[in-house]
Each structure stands twice: as structure tokens, then as C-alpha cells.
Amino acid sequence: MKKHLFFRRFSAVFVMACLLLTVLCACGKQQTNADGQTIPNGFVAHEAENESYTIYTPQDWLVDTTTGMTSFNMGDEAASNLNVTVIGMSASCRNAAEYFDTFRDQYAQTFTDFTLIDDATPTKLGTQDAYKYTFTATVAGTSYHWMQVLCDYKQAIYVVTYTAKEDSYDRYLENVQSVIDCFVFE
């Protein structure tokens, strides 16, 4: 009887220890980027080959650098995606706000039901001052929602664009915001 009681107690303690170890391993150590910002667990770094930035994304996002920009596909049926484009400043486009203004009319003419929601809302791209624009529109009968964060840095305009179908926009928004928060300029 004592042997059986000992075995039950030992088993209970062993199971509790295993559960505690599992929880501790799942939490893992937080990463920090070069600017000292906390990187969410499960995010991995992607360094742009020809540009001066590092971007951190969830490890299951599919990366594509063959299009002249860095693109990430979330792998869902809605083809939600995030991309980073770097544009050199010019006399006709001297900063991020002017860059968006040059496209505002084109968006309105190109997209059906173009609606600007956030217009140059101050924000950050990593540690740099930036502007956020969000808008919705219809393309080929499907409603989409975009967020663009634009930032001036070293004679270039950095444009981070998140695109999703209207009904799935919120699905990745938290991760997208983490990507924007953890962006590192070299």
C-alpha cells in the first residue's frame, strides 16, 4: 500500500515537473534587435540585400526578394501580404508625405470605392518618425484594405505596405504592427 501511494505521489510530482518544464521552454527567451527593441518569439530576421534595413517577421511567412522589393506572403487563401519598397528621393518627390500625395489621386482613379481612413497619421517605423496611411478599395469586385507606413531615411523613402482582403485585414494586424515596430535601419 505504501509503495502504491509513493508511486502515485511520485507520478504526480513528475507530471507537474514536466508541465512546468514545457511551459518554461514554450516561453523561451525574448530576442532584441540592434535598437534594443523586443522581438516577438517566433520572429526571424531578414536582411535586405541591397538596402539598409533588417525586418523581423513570423517564421512561417513566405519571403520573396525576386521582385525588386522584399515581399512576405502570409500563406493564407486571401493572399495577405506585406512588402517593403525603397525609393530614392527626387526633385519631384522630396519626402514620404509628397510620395503618398503623388499616388493619392492615382489610387482614387484606379480603384473602385477608394476610401482614405488614416491620412498621414504620425507613427514610427522602427525608431524613425513615419506616416501611416490606411485605405480601402475594391479591385475586380473584391474589397481590400491597405496600410502603408512611409518613412524618410538617408535620401530614400521606405514604404511598408500591408495588403489584405477587407474581411481578413485584422487577422494579421498584430503581427504586422510588430514587424513595423521592430524594423531596423542599418
C-alpha atoms as a PDB file:
ATOM      1  CA  MET A   1       0.000   0.000   0.000  1.00  0.00           C
ATOM      2  CA  LYS A   2       2.803   2.419   0.928  1.00  0.00           C
ATOM      3  CA  LYS A   3       4.605   1.520  -2.280  1.00  0.00           C
ATOM      4  CA  HIS A   4       1.487   2.272  -4.321  1.00  0.00           C
ATOM      5  CA  LEU A   5       0.970   5.627  -2.533  1.00  0.00           C
ATOM      6  CA  PHE A   6       4.620   6.551  -3.093  1.00  0.00           C
ATOM      7  CA  PHE A   7       4.317   5.719  -6.799  1.00  0.00           C
ATOM      8  CA  ARG A   8       1.169   7.869  -7.178  1.00  0.00           C
ATOM      9  CA  ARG A   9       2.809  10.850  -5.450  1.00  0.00           C
ATOM     10  CA  PHE A  10       5.993  10.415  -7.444  1.00  0.00           C
ATOM     11  CA  SER A  11       3.985  10.239 -10.683  1.00  0.00           C
ATOM     12  CA  ALA A  12       2.041  13.387  -9.797  1.00  0.00           C
ATOM     13  CA  VAL A  13       5.240  15.313  -8.987  1.00  0.00           C
ATOM     14  CA  PHE A  14       6.869  14.027 -12.180  1.00  0.00           C
ATOM     15  CA  VAL A  15       3.901  15.106 -14.328  1.00  0.00           C
ATOM     16  CA  MET A  16       3.862  18.563 -12.689  1.00  0.00           C
ATOM     17  CA  ALA A  17       7.608  18.960 -13.283  1.00  0.00           C
ATOM     18  CA  CYS A  18       7.170  18.015 -16.949  1.00  0.00           C
ATOM     19  CA  LEU A  19       4.332  20.520 -17.354  1.00  0.00           C
ATOM     20  CA  LEU A  20       6.390  23.267 -15.731  1.00  0.00           C
ATOM     21  CA  LEU A  21       9.354  22.480 -17.972  1.00  0.00           C
ATOM     22  CA  THR A  22       7.104  22.565 -21.045  1.00  0.00           C
ATOM     23  CA  VAL A  23       5.714  25.972 -20.072  1.00  0.00           C
ATOM     24  CA  LEU A  24       9.185  27.378 -19.433  1.00  0.00           C
ATOM     25  CA  CYS A  25      10.501  26.088 -22.765  1.00  0.00           C
ATOM     26  CA  ALA A  26       7.477  27.429 -24.642  1.00  0.00           C
ATOM     27  CA  CYS A  27       8.006  30.905 -23.246  1.00  0.00           C
ATOM     28  CA  GLY A  28      11.617  30.989 -24.382  1.00  0.00           C
ATOM     29  CA  LYS A  29      13.991  33.892 -24.162  1.00  0.00           C
ATOM     30  CA  GLN A  30      12.889  37.155 -25.755  1.00  0.00           C
ATOM     31  CA  GLN A  31      15.101  38.432 -28.561  1.00  0.00           C
ATOM     32  CA  THR A  32      16.084  42.049 -29.015  1.00  0.00           C
ATOM     33  CA  ASN A  33      17.052  43.789 -32.231  1.00  0.00           C
ATOM     34  CA  ALA A  34      20.020  46.100 -32.857  1.00  0.00           C
ATOM     35  CA  ASP A  35      17.998  49.046 -31.497  1.00  0.00           C
ATOM     36  CA  GLY A  36      17.233  47.161 -28.272  1.00  0.00           C
ATOM     37  CA  GLN A  37      13.576  46.590 -29.121  1.00  0.00           C
ATOM     38  CA  THR A  38      11.963  43.307 -28.096  1.00  0.00           C
ATOM     39  CA  ILE A  39      11.348  40.898 -30.963  1.00  0.00           C
ATOM     40  CA  PRO A  40       8.344  38.589 -30.502  1.00  0.00           C
ATOM     41  CA  ASN A  41       9.112  34.886 -30.083  1.00  0.00           C
ATOM     42  CA  GLY A  42       8.934  33.034 -33.380  1.00  0.00           C
ATOM     43  CA  PHE A  43      10.014  36.036 -35.455  1.00  0.00           C
ATOM     44  CA  VAL A  44      13.105  35.765 -37.661  1.00  0.00           C
ATOM     45  CA  ALA A  45      15.376  38.394 -39.201  1.00  0.00           C
ATOM     46  CA  HIS A  46      15.543  39.142 -42.923  1.00  0.00           C
ATOM     47  CA  GLU A  47      18.298  41.460 -44.106  1.00  0.00           C
ATOM     48  CA  ALA A  48      17.670  43.335 -47.324  1.00  0.00           C
ATOM     49  CA  GLU A  49      20.413  42.534 -49.815  1.00  0.00           C
ATOM     50  CA  ASN A  50      20.735  45.919 -51.492  1.00  0.00           C
ATOM     51  CA  GLU A  51      19.107  48.169 -48.924  1.00  0.00           C
ATOM     52  CA  SER A  52      19.946  49.289 -45.407  1.00  0.00           C
ATOM     53  CA  TYR A  53      17.421  47.530 -43.197  1.00  0.00           C
ATOM     54  CA  THR A  54      16.582  44.371 -41.310  1.00  0.00           C
ATOM     55  CA  ILE A  55      12.983  43.283 -40.951  1.00  0.00           C
ATOM     56  CA  TYR A  56      11.652  40.727 -38.466  1.00  0.00           C
ATOM     57  CA  THR A  57       8.638  38.610 -39.428  1.00  0.00           C
ATOM     58  CA  PRO A  58       6.892  35.481 -38.187  1.00  0.00           C
ATOM     59  CA  GLN A  59       8.963  32.496 -39.280  1.00  0.00           C
ATOM     60  CA  ASP A  60       6.095  30.945 -41.259  1.00  0.00           C
ATOM     61  CA  TRP A  61       5.679  33.928 -43.601  1.00  0.00           C
ATOM     62  CA  LEU A  62       6.992  33.188 -47.094  1.00  0.00           C
ATOM     63  CA  VAL A  63       9.680  35.629 -48.266  1.00  0.00           C
ATOM     64  CA  ASP A  64      10.228  36.706 -51.880  1.00  0.00           C
ATOM     65  CA  THR A  65      13.041  39.028 -52.943  1.00  0.00           C
ATOM     66  CA  THR A  66      12.838  38.367 -56.698  1.00  0.00           C
ATOM     67  CA  THR A  67      10.512  41.274 -57.461  1.00  0.00           C
ATOM     68  CA  GLY A  68      12.919  44.134 -56.698  1.00  0.00           C
ATOM     69  CA  MET A  69      11.397  44.564 -53.262  1.00  0.00           C
ATOM     70  CA  THR A  70      11.121  42.388 -50.180  1.00  0.00           C
ATOM     71  CA  SER A  71       7.716  40.707 -50.012  1.00  0.00           C
ATOM     72  CA  PHE A  72       6.171  38.445 -47.412  1.00  0.00           C
ATOM     73  CA  ASN A  73       3.136  36.277 -48.056  1.00  0.00           C
ATOM     74  CA  MET A  74       1.191  35.076 -45.043  1.00  0.00           C
ATOM     75  CA  GLY A  75       0.284  31.844 -46.843  1.00  0.00           C
ATOM     76  CA  ASP A  76      -3.470  32.210 -46.443  1.00  0.00           C
ATOM     77  CA  GLU A  77      -6.216  31.808 -49.027  1.00  0.00           C
ATOM     78  CA  ALA A  78      -6.728  35.570 -49.116  1.00  0.00           C
ATOM     79  CA  ALA A  79      -3.079  36.089 -50.211  1.00  0.00           C
ATOM     80  CA  SER A  80      -2.486  38.661 -47.468  1.00  0.00           C
ATOM     81  CA  ASN A  81       0.963  40.173 -47.869  1.00  0.00           C
ATOM     82  CA  LEU A  82       3.445  42.734 -46.648  1.00  0.00           C
ATOM     83  CA  ASN A  83       6.161  44.318 -48.752  1.00  0.00           C
ATOM     84  CA  VAL A  84       8.965  46.810 -48.330  1.00  0.00           C
ATOM     85  CA  THR A  85       9.942  49.161 -51.129  1.00  0.00           C
ATOM     86  CA  VAL A  86      12.768  51.700 -51.035  1.00  0.00           C
ATOM     87  CA  ILE A  87      12.540  54.665 -53.416  1.00  0.00           C
ATOM     88  CA  GLY A  88      15.239  57.261 -53.951  1.00  0.00           C
ATOM     89  CA  MET A  89      14.165  60.836 -53.278  1.00  0.00           C
ATOM     90  CA  SER A  90      13.966  63.176 -56.263  1.00  0.00           C
ATOM     91  CA  ALA A  91      13.123  66.791 -57.005  1.00  0.00           C
ATOM     92  CA  SER A  92       9.502  65.807 -57.648  1.00  0.00           C
ATOM     93  CA  CYS A  93       9.311  63.567 -54.583  1.00  0.00           C
ATOM     94  CA  ARG A  94      11.331  65.001 -51.709  1.00  0.00           C
ATOM     95  CA  ASN A  95       9.786  63.143 -48.762  1.00  0.00           C
ATOM     96  CA  ALA A  96       7.351  60.452 -47.672  1.00  0.00           C
ATOM     97  CA  ALA A  97       4.331  62.765 -47.459  1.00  0.00           C
ATOM     98  CA  GLU A  98       4.895  64.026 -51.018  1.00  0.00           C
ATOM     99  CA  TYR A  99       5.344  60.465 -52.216  1.00  0.00           C
ATOM    100  CA  PHE A 100       1.920  59.420 -50.943  1.00  0.00           C
ATOM    101  CA  ASP A 101       0.323  62.611 -52.255  1.00  0.00           C
ATOM    102  CA  THR A 102       1.565  61.784 -55.771  1.00  0.00           C
ATOM    103  CA  PHE A 103      -0.238  58.449 -55.590  1.00  0.00           C
ATOM    104  CA  ARG A 104      -3.395  59.533 -53.785  1.00  0.00           C
ATOM    105  CA  ASP A 105      -5.118  60.699 -56.986  1.00  0.00           C
ATOM    106  CA  GLN A 106      -3.904  57.651 -58.887  1.00  0.00           C
ATOM    107  CA  TYR A 107      -5.365  55.369 -56.230  1.00  0.00           C
ATOM    108  CA  ALA A 108      -8.696  57.202 -56.413  1.00  0.00           C
ATOM    109  CA  GLN A 109      -8.743  56.893 -60.211  1.00  0.00           C
ATOM    110  CA  THR A 110      -7.558  53.287 -60.330  1.00  0.00           C
ATOM    111  CA  PHE A 111      -9.516  51.676 -57.514  1.00  0.00           C
ATOM    112  CA  THR A 112     -13.290  51.497 -57.184  1.00  0.00           C
ATOM    113  CA  ASP A 113     -14.656  52.898 -53.910  1.00  0.00           C
ATOM    114  CA  PHE A 114     -11.277  54.278 -52.760  1.00  0.00           C
ATOM    115  CA  THR A 115     -11.672  55.495 -49.158  1.00  0.00           C
ATOM    116  CA  LEU A 116      -8.782  57.015 -47.209  1.00  0.00           C
ATOM    117  CA  ILE A 117      -9.081  56.166 -43.498  1.00  0.00           C
ATOM    118  CA  ASP A 118      -5.773  57.358 -41.976  1.00  0.00           C
ATOM    119  CA  ASP A 119      -4.130  60.295 -43.730  1.00  0.00           C
ATOM    120  CA  ALA A 120      -0.515  60.927 -42.661  1.00  0.00           C
ATOM    121  CA  THR A 121      -1.063  59.803 -39.074  1.00  0.00           C
ATOM    122  CA  PRO A 122       2.267  60.222 -37.233  1.00  0.00           C
ATOM    123  CA  THR A 123       3.805  56.869 -36.282  1.00  0.00           C
ATOM    124  CA  LYS A 124       7.184  55.126 -36.190  1.00  0.00           C
ATOM    125  CA  LEU A 125       8.935  52.693 -38.492  1.00  0.00           C
ATOM    126  CA  GLY A 126      11.297  51.085 -36.019  1.00  0.00           C
ATOM    127  CA  THR A 127      12.749  54.098 -34.237  1.00  0.00           C
ATOM    128  CA  GLN A 128      12.300  56.571 -37.108  1.00  0.00           C
ATOM    129  CA  ASP A 129       9.434  59.042 -37.496  1.00  0.00           C
ATOM    130  CA  ALA A 130       6.982  57.954 -40.166  1.00  0.00           C
ATOM    131  CA  TYR A 131       3.461  58.469 -41.533  1.00  0.00           C
ATOM    132  CA  LYS A 132       0.680  55.904 -41.643  1.00  0.00           C
ATOM    133  CA  TYR A 133      -1.971  55.769 -44.334  1.00  0.00           C
ATOM    134  CA  THR A 134      -4.785  53.234 -44.372  1.00  0.00           C
ATOM    135  CA  PHE A 135      -7.360  52.926 -47.081  1.00  0.00           C
ATOM    136  CA  THR A 136      -9.891  50.565 -48.589  1.00  0.00           C
ATOM    137  CA  ALA A 137     -10.888  49.985 -52.182  1.00  0.00           C
ATOM    138  CA  THR A 138     -12.443  47.421 -54.477  1.00  0.00           C
ATOM    139  CA  VAL A 139     -10.391  45.583 -57.098  1.00  0.00           C
ATOM    140  CA  ALA A 140     -12.100  43.234 -59.560  1.00  0.00           C
ATOM    141  CA  GLY A 141     -15.146  43.040 -57.288  1.00  0.00           C
ATOM    142  CA  THR A 142     -13.161  42.206 -54.130  1.00  0.00           C
ATOM    143  CA  SER A 143     -12.825  44.624 -51.197  1.00  0.00           C
ATOM    144  CA  TYR A 144      -9.267  45.184 -49.945  1.00  0.00           C
ATOM    145  CA  HIS A 145      -7.754  47.050 -47.009  1.00  0.00           C
ATOM    146  CA  TRP A 146      -4.246  48.554 -47.136  1.00  0.00           C
ATOM    147  CA  MET A 147      -1.910  50.064 -44.599  1.00  0.00           C
ATOM    148  CA  GLN A 148       1.172  51.941 -45.736  1.00  0.00           C
ATOM    149  CA  VAL A 149       3.853  53.249 -43.396  1.00  0.00           C
ATOM    150  CA  LEU A 150       6.211  55.698 -45.097  1.00  0.00           C
ATOM    151  CA  CYS A 151       9.484  56.977 -43.693  1.00  0.00           C
ATOM    152  CA  ASP A 152      12.320  59.230 -44.878  1.00  0.00           C
ATOM    153  CA  TYR A 153      15.767  57.790 -44.194  1.00  0.00           C
ATOM    154  CA  LYS A 154      19.132  58.660 -45.777  1.00  0.00           C
ATOM    155  CA  GLN A 155      17.838  60.197 -49.012  1.00  0.00           C
ATOM    156  CA  ALA A 156      15.319  57.403 -49.561  1.00  0.00           C
ATOM    157  CA  ILE A 157      11.659  56.787 -48.853  1.00  0.00           C
ATOM    158  CA  TYR A 158      10.866  53.471 -47.196  1.00  0.00           C
ATOM    159  CA  VAL A 159       7.363  52.183 -47.883  1.00  0.00           C
ATOM    160  CA  VAL A 160       5.979  49.249 -45.894  1.00  0.00           C
ATOM    161  CA  THR A 161       2.658  48.102 -47.357  1.00  0.00           C
ATOM    162  CA  TYR A 162       0.277  45.591 -45.804  1.00  0.00           C
ATOM    163  CA  THR A 163      -2.496  44.352 -48.101  1.00  0.00           C
ATOM    164  CA  ALA A 164      -5.373  42.045 -47.186  1.00  0.00           C
ATOM    165  CA  LYS A 165      -8.927  41.354 -48.187  1.00  0.00           C
ATOM    166  CA  GLU A 166     -11.244  43.549 -46.145  1.00  0.00           C
ATOM    167  CA  ASP A 167     -12.687  40.631 -44.175  1.00  0.00           C
ATOM    168  CA  SER A 168      -9.245  39.256 -43.191  1.00  0.00           C
ATOM    169  CA  TYR A 169      -7.373  42.525 -42.529  1.00  0.00           C
ATOM    170  CA  ASP A 170      -7.473  42.180 -38.725  1.00  0.00           C
ATOM    171  CA  ARG A 171      -6.206  38.587 -38.848  1.00  0.00           C
ATOM    172  CA  TYR A 172      -2.531  39.604 -39.230  1.00  0.00           C
ATOM    173  CA  LEU A 173      -2.682  43.188 -37.993  1.00  0.00           C
ATOM    174  CA  GLU A 174      -0.998  42.476 -34.647  1.00  0.00           C
ATOM    175  CA  ASN A 175       1.933  40.712 -36.344  1.00  0.00           C
ATOM    176  CA  VAL A 176       2.174  43.453 -38.976  1.00  0.00           C
ATOM    177  CA  GLN A 177       2.367  46.075 -36.232  1.00  0.00           C
ATOM    178  CA  SER A 178       5.159  44.069 -34.570  1.00  0.00           C
ATOM    179  CA  VAL A 179       7.030  43.956 -37.895  1.00  0.00           C
ATOM    180  CA  ILE A 180       6.730  47.754 -38.164  1.00  0.00           C
ATOM    181  CA  ASP A 181       7.770  48.279 -34.538  1.00  0.00           C
ATOM    182  CA  CYS A 182      10.869  46.048 -34.878  1.00  0.00           C
ATOM    183  CA  PHE A 183      12.093  47.426 -38.225  1.00  0.00           C
ATOM    184  CA  VAL A 184      15.819  48.262 -38.050  1.00  0.00           C
ATOM    185  CA  PHE A 185      17.641  50.758 -40.246  1.00  0.00           C
ATOM    186  CA  GLU A 186      21.338  49.997 -40.747  1.00  0.00           C
END
